[in-house]
């Protein structure tokens, strides 16, 4: 691991050129930069990596939690703005956040009653969400330091992150070797590839937990964003947000986003599922045609014109409307993150799958490899 170093791969720093006798600033060229970003309480050095494509789109990722700290994309006028919630420095991340920008594992989402049975044995997990287990536990993949190696190809810049979770960590069986690769290409697509192996059967369900606001992080709520989700069913939940095991059609309900609809259009209607989630915090069952990469969701922000398409190989998508953001968190530039000021689109297997035999299995066994692929594609509506 590099310490207190700056790595430049194919990067041209801001420079000055003379044109008509005047100095003009040149924008940074496509490439990867790395710089120190502080240290953890136990003295581990944290680095932050800036991935920049040929069009100026920029993703900054740190090796603590694999967290996407910032993501700059253009609006319809070409103005770049940061569209993910987060902080300017490491310290607030170390104090604890609502998973801003993090890799989630071993198990994204909830496991009911913080336990599951596998091959005749019951495993007890941390109860860190009421009676349930959430996002891998007290110290999930979002709170560990990953080994990080940047790379650059002709039209792509990226970062390979690796972490080995020991047998018994957070109560899970098996030593799991996980790899997450971020790749930013010149088509303004940020791909996230997940891979894992294990030496004992264990649940694995990795995801990415960025909070998006396509008008710009800290610019207000996301209720006016137009959302489409390619799903005809959801997995309804009980009052603790654990799936009941049923699949419920979205037709005729506030959960029907099969055509673009404002996030806030129906978020406050009288509905037991919206009451349980305090808004949207549910898993949509994607209308998949096969095993490859398929469109899961599309979001448009009308004022800026920014768009986000999510494509994935996963069977589910957790849409979370930022219901627990309450204005107590100050983020980048001192901006307050108010109620529903960011949304998450977490590609995943279904919540509580280890306890739901009718759901697609999340059990990884020795000799097999877990692999999933998700693409966040950024554009502009004219």
Foldseek 3Di string as FASTA:
>chain_A
DDAQDKDWDPKDPWDWDADPNDTDTDHIAFTKIKGWFDAAPVGHTKMWMWGAFRLGWIWIFIQFQRFGAWTWDAFPVGDTFTWWFFADGCVVVNVPDPQARGKFDQAAAKAAQQWFDDPHDIWHFDPPQPSIAHRQHPCTSNGDGWDWDWDDDDFKTKIKTWDWDDACVRRWGWIKIKIWMWIQGNLQKTKIKIKIATAAKTFGKIKTWTWGDPVHQLPDAQQQKWKAFQFQWWQAADLSRAGPLDTHGCPPHPPHRNDTDGQNPCQPPDDVRSVSQVGAFTKGFHPDDDQDWDWGMKIADPPRQKIKTKIKSARIWTKDQQQPQDQPDQHYPRRTQHGSRTITIIGIFHHNQSVRVVGPGRIHGHPDMDIMMMMIHMDGDD
